[in-house]
Each structure stands twice: as C-alpha cells, then as structure tokens.
Amino acid sequence: RGTTSSQIINMAREAGAKRVYMASAAPPVRYPNVYGIDMPTSAELLASRYSDEQMDEMAREIGADRIFYQELDDLRASILEEAAAQGSSIRGLDCS
C-alpha cells in the first residue's frame, strides 16, 4: 500500500533529509498471496499499479526520491546458491 513507507519517508524529511531513497530486499509485491496469508487486495498494493519502468512515478507517490527493489531472479538465485552451499536439496522455489 505504501502507507508505512510514505510515513517513514515523511519523518525522514521532517528530520531534515534532503533526499530519501527507499530500498527493499524483496521484489515489489503486486499480488496477494495465494496461500491464505492475510494481505491487501491487488488494488490496494502500491506496486500493482506500476510497472518496473514506472518506479520513479511510484517513488513520487510515496514521497521518495528513488525506489530500489530486489530483482526476483536475483533473489531466487541467491537462495538456491546458498541452499546448495549448505547441502540442501532445494531445487526450486514457488514465487507466487
């Protein structure tokens, strides 16, 4: 939804920040989880209204100068790489 992010960004600006960048260790959440986790609907999720090419517009909506998200492929690769290094038999992930 962006509500918490925009509040934190606003607090940073009120404290004197000249620029505010938001970085997420997760990919943008655009769809509710299909496994029953209580999440907002797609319409309520901020990232659902923006494509990857529109991140600057989303940043403006929440008051940030820029937004950086983890790429899903990079996240998947890092998890599988670490799982292999730990001797895990994990071969894939459900990225719903």
Protein backbone atom coordinates (compact mmCIF):
# COMPACT_ATOMS: atom_id res chain seq x y z
CA ARG A 1 0.00 0.00 0.00
CA GLY A 2 2.88 2.34 0.60
CA THR A 3 1.29 3.81 3.71
CA THR A 4 4.09 2.87 6.11
CA SER A 5 6.80 3.74 3.59
CA SER A 6 5.35 7.18 2.97
CA GLN A 7 5.10 7.85 6.73
CA ILE A 8 8.76 6.85 7.26
CA ILE A 9 9.85 8.96 4.28
CA ASN A 10 7.90 11.91 5.65
CA MET A 11 9.57 11.51 9.07
CA ALA A 12 13.00 11.47 7.41
CA ARG A 13 12.18 14.66 5.51
CA GLU A 14 10.84 16.34 8.66
CA ALA A 15 14.13 15.44 10.37
CA GLY A 16 15.98 17.32 7.63
CA ALA A 17 16.77 14.71 4.98
CA LYS A 18 17.36 16.38 1.63
CA ARG A 19 16.99 13.13 -0.32
CA VAL A 20 15.26 9.89 0.65
CA TYR A 21 15.85 6.61 -1.12
CA MET A 22 13.79 3.51 -0.36
CA ALA A 23 15.47 0.14 -0.84
CA SER A 24 13.69 -3.17 -0.42
CA ALA A 25 15.35 -6.57 -0.08
CA ALA A 26 12.26 -8.06 -1.68
CA PRO A 27 10.73 -7.70 -5.13
CA PRO A 28 7.68 -5.44 -5.49
CA VAL A 29 4.55 -7.11 -4.10
CA ARG A 30 1.92 -6.82 -6.81
CA TYR A 31 -0.49 -9.66 -5.98
CA PRO A 32 -1.97 -11.07 -2.78
CA ASN A 33 -0.50 -14.35 -1.56
CA VAL A 34 -2.49 -17.36 -2.74
CA TYR A 35 -1.65 -19.41 0.36
CA GLY A 36 -4.01 -17.63 2.70
CA ILE A 37 -1.72 -15.03 4.23
CA ASP A 38 -3.85 -12.02 5.12
CA MET A 39 -2.75 -9.41 2.60
CA PRO A 40 -4.33 -6.46 0.88
CA THR A 41 -6.04 -6.98 -2.44
CA SER A 42 -4.13 -6.26 -5.66
CA ALA A 43 -5.91 -2.93 -5.95
CA GLU A 44 -4.58 -1.94 -2.50
CA LEU A 45 -0.97 -2.92 -3.22
CA LEU A 46 1.03 0.10 -4.34
CA ALA A 47 3.32 -1.85 -6.69
CA SER A 48 0.36 -3.39 -8.51
CA ARG A 49 -0.33 -0.01 -10.10
CA TYR A 50 3.17 0.42 -11.52
CA SER A 51 5.36 -1.49 -13.94
CA ASP A 52 9.10 -1.88 -13.40
CA GLU A 53 9.59 1.03 -15.80
CA GLN A 54 7.38 3.26 -13.62
CA MET A 55 9.34 3.05 -10.36
CA ASP A 56 10.11 6.79 -10.46
CA GLU A 57 6.37 7.50 -10.52
CA MET A 58 5.80 5.18 -7.57
CA ALA A 59 8.63 6.92 -5.70
CA ARG A 60 6.91 10.26 -6.23
CA GLU A 61 3.63 8.86 -4.90
CA ILE A 62 5.21 7.92 -1.57
CA GLY A 63 7.47 10.96 -1.42
CA ALA A 64 10.80 9.20 -2.09
CA ASP A 65 13.46 10.41 -4.48
CA ARG A 66 14.04 6.88 -5.73
CA ILE A 67 12.95 3.29 -5.06
CA PHE A 68 15.13 0.22 -5.41
CA TYR A 69 13.69 -3.29 -5.31
CA GLN A 70 15.37 -6.68 -5.28
CA GLU A 71 15.03 -8.46 -8.62
CA LEU A 72 13.10 -11.73 -8.26
CA ASP A 73 15.61 -13.66 -10.37
CA ASP A 74 18.49 -12.40 -8.22
CA LEU A 75 16.64 -13.28 -5.02
CA ARG A 76 15.86 -16.76 -6.32
CA ALA A 77 19.47 -17.30 -7.43
CA SER A 78 20.91 -16.19 -4.09
CA ILE A 79 18.60 -18.52 -2.14
CA LEU A 80 19.35 -21.51 -4.35
CA GLU A 81 23.09 -20.78 -4.30
CA GLU A 82 23.16 -20.65 -0.50
CA ALA A 83 20.95 -23.75 -0.22
CA ALA A 84 23.39 -25.65 -2.44
CA ALA A 85 26.35 -24.39 -0.39
CA GLN A 86 24.62 -25.67 2.75
CA GLY A 87 23.98 -29.08 1.18
CA SER A 88 20.24 -28.56 0.91
CA SER A 89 18.21 -30.47 -1.65
CA ILE A 90 16.13 -27.39 -2.54
CA ARG A 91 15.96 -27.20 -6.33
CA GLY A 92 13.36 -24.53 -6.90
CA LEU A 93 11.02 -22.02 -5.30
CA ASP A 94 7.33 -21.20 -5.66
CA CYS A 95 7.40 -17.47 -6.35
CA SER A 96 3.67 -16.78 -6.35
